[in-house]
Amino acid sequence: MTKHRLQFDDGYEYLVFGVSCHLKDYRVAGILNLALGMNFVRNTIDLPVKGGKLDRFPFFLHKDPDVHLKYMLLDNQNDEIYLMGNLKQYDFFLFIEGYIELFPLEDFQARLRSIESFQLVSELDPDAFEHIQYALFED
């Protein structure tokens, strides 16, 4: 008789976009609200940074229960430190978490890149954010 091993993937399914622009976070959230028909709400979150200590970062959250997606706009920098020092070229990260198999990725990227205020929009590797994913997506 053969043995079967059951393996669990306990990570989250999500996409990440890096956004570079010279706007304040509330302005970026407002632009995304208008351009994408969302309703981002501001909050703060404690996330681990260099040295393992926790630091507070502002973020904006929009939930779309119809398609089971959660959008999170997260500042890369607070008043003191970068969240992702190796990605300093990005001012914000836009996370999309949930049922992303049917997500219209190319259309969404095109819509983000068409926003005049954004100098750079890039899809990033979610593995780079593995150390903060649980803090971000736990409800």
Protein backbone atom coordinates (compact mmCIF):
# COMPACT_ATOMS: atom_id res chain seq x y z
CA MET A 1 0.00 0.00 0.00
CA THR A 2 1.35 3.43 -0.90
CA LYS A 3 1.52 6.30 1.52
CA HIS A 4 -0.04 9.61 0.64
CA ARG A 5 1.12 12.82 2.24
CA LEU A 6 -1.23 15.69 2.74
CA GLN A 7 0.45 19.09 2.55
CA PHE A 8 -1.19 22.33 3.51
CA ASP A 9 -0.37 25.65 1.95
CA ASP A 10 -1.14 27.95 4.83
CA GLY A 11 -0.33 31.15 2.95
CA TYR A 12 -2.74 33.61 1.47
CA GLU A 13 -3.47 34.09 -2.22
CA TYR A 14 -2.74 37.67 -3.13
CA LEU A 15 -1.28 40.03 -5.69
CA VAL A 16 0.97 43.00 -4.90
CA PHE A 17 1.59 46.14 -6.91
CA GLY A 18 4.23 48.72 -6.10
CA VAL A 19 3.20 52.33 -6.77
CA SER A 20 5.51 55.33 -6.98
CA CYS A 21 4.08 58.82 -6.77
CA HIS A 22 4.60 62.09 -4.91
CA LEU A 23 1.20 62.27 -3.25
CA LYS A 24 0.06 61.85 0.34
CA ASP A 25 -1.61 58.55 1.20
CA TYR A 26 -5.11 60.02 1.51
CA ARG A 27 -4.80 61.54 -1.98
CA VAL A 28 -3.71 58.20 -3.47
CA ALA A 29 -6.67 56.49 -1.79
CA GLY A 30 -8.99 59.18 -3.15
CA ILE A 31 -7.63 58.78 -6.67
CA LEU A 32 -8.09 55.00 -6.49
CA ASN A 33 -11.62 55.50 -5.16
CA LEU A 34 -12.50 57.62 -8.20
CA ALA A 35 -10.57 55.63 -10.83
CA LEU A 36 -11.59 52.15 -9.68
CA GLY A 37 -14.94 52.79 -7.98
CA MET A 38 -13.71 51.76 -4.55
CA ASN A 39 -14.28 53.04 -1.04
CA PHE A 40 -10.97 52.93 0.83
CA VAL A 41 -11.14 53.58 4.58
CA ARG A 42 -8.04 54.66 6.55
CA ASN A 43 -6.63 52.70 9.49
CA THR A 44 -3.26 51.76 10.99
CA ILE A 45 -1.51 48.44 11.46
CA ASP A 46 1.51 47.27 13.46
CA LEU A 47 3.96 45.39 11.24
CA PRO A 48 7.38 43.86 11.87
CA VAL A 49 10.31 45.86 10.49
CA LYS A 50 14.08 45.53 10.58
CA GLY A 51 15.29 43.92 13.80
CA GLY A 52 11.92 42.25 14.46
CA LYS A 53 10.37 45.21 16.26
CA LEU A 54 6.84 46.33 15.46
CA ASP A 55 6.14 49.70 13.92
CA ARG A 56 2.85 51.36 13.01
CA PHE A 57 1.99 52.01 9.35
CA PRO A 58 -1.06 53.70 7.84
CA PHE A 59 -3.15 51.73 5.37
CA PHE A 60 -6.44 51.99 3.51
CA LEU A 61 -8.84 49.07 3.16
CA HIS A 62 -11.62 48.29 0.69
CA LYS A 63 -13.59 45.04 0.78
CA ASP A 64 -15.59 43.79 -2.18
CA PRO A 65 -17.82 41.00 -0.83
CA ASP A 66 -19.43 40.37 -4.22
CA VAL A 67 -16.20 38.97 -5.67
CA HIS A 68 -14.58 37.98 -2.35
CA LEU A 69 -11.63 40.35 -2.65
CA LYS A 70 -9.92 42.63 -0.19
CA TYR A 71 -7.85 45.60 -1.42
CA MET A 72 -5.26 47.16 0.87
CA LEU A 73 -3.21 50.27 0.11
CA LEU A 74 -0.20 50.33 2.43
CA ASP A 75 2.42 53.06 2.90
CA ASN A 76 5.97 51.83 2.43
CA GLN A 77 7.22 54.41 4.93
CA ASN A 78 5.97 55.82 8.18
CA ASP A 79 7.56 58.80 9.95
CA GLU A 80 10.65 56.82 10.93
CA ILE A 81 11.37 53.76 8.80
CA TYR A 82 10.69 51.95 5.53
CA LEU A 83 8.53 48.86 5.74
CA MET A 84 10.37 47.31 2.80
CA GLY A 85 13.81 48.92 2.70
CA ASN A 86 14.79 46.86 -0.33
CA LEU A 87 11.85 48.37 -2.27
CA LYS A 88 12.41 52.07 -1.50
CA GLN A 89 11.52 53.03 -5.06
CA TYR A 90 7.85 52.37 -4.20
CA ASP A 91 5.88 54.74 -2.02
CA PHE A 92 2.88 52.43 -1.67
CA PHE A 93 1.94 48.79 -2.01
CA LEU A 94 -1.49 47.77 -3.24
CA PHE A 95 -2.43 44.27 -2.07
CA ILE A 96 -5.33 42.30 -3.53
CA GLU A 97 -6.22 39.28 -1.42
CA GLY A 98 -8.90 36.67 -1.88
CA TYR A 99 -10.22 34.64 -4.78
CA ILE A 100 -7.76 35.91 -7.40
CA GLU A 101 -7.97 33.08 -9.93
CA LEU A 102 -10.60 34.99 -11.91
CA PHE A 103 -9.18 38.45 -11.21
CA PRO A 104 -8.77 40.54 -14.43
CA LEU A 105 -5.08 41.22 -13.85
CA GLU A 106 -4.15 42.80 -17.17
CA ASP A 107 -7.18 45.10 -17.18
CA PHE A 108 -6.48 46.15 -13.58
CA GLN A 109 -2.80 46.87 -14.35
CA ALA A 110 -3.80 48.95 -17.36
CA ARG A 111 -6.24 50.95 -15.25
CA LEU A 112 -3.59 51.57 -12.57
CA ARG A 113 -1.00 52.61 -15.16
CA SER A 114 -3.44 55.03 -16.78
CA ILE A 115 -3.60 57.13 -13.59
CA GLU A 116 -1.56 60.25 -14.38
CA SER A 117 -0.35 60.82 -10.83
CA PHE A 118 1.42 57.44 -10.70
CA GLN A 119 4.97 57.53 -12.06
CA LEU A 120 5.51 53.78 -11.75
CA VAL A 121 3.24 50.78 -11.23
CA SER A 122 4.80 47.32 -11.06
CA GLU A 123 3.52 43.90 -10.15
CA LEU A 124 5.71 42.53 -7.34
CA ASP A 125 6.53 39.06 -6.11
CA PRO A 126 4.23 38.20 -3.16
CA ASP A 127 7.00 36.09 -1.61
CA ALA A 128 8.83 39.30 -0.70
CA PHE A 129 5.95 40.10 1.69
CA GLU A 130 5.65 36.67 3.25
CA HIS A 131 6.85 37.91 6.65
CA ILE A 132 3.91 40.35 6.96
CA GLN A 133 1.11 38.50 5.16
CA TYR A 134 -0.52 37.14 8.32
CA ALA A 135 -0.58 40.54 10.00
CA LEU A 136 -2.07 42.08 6.86
CA PHE A 137 -4.83 39.64 6.05
CA GLU A 138 -5.99 38.31 9.41
CA ASP A 139 -9.43 39.76 10.21
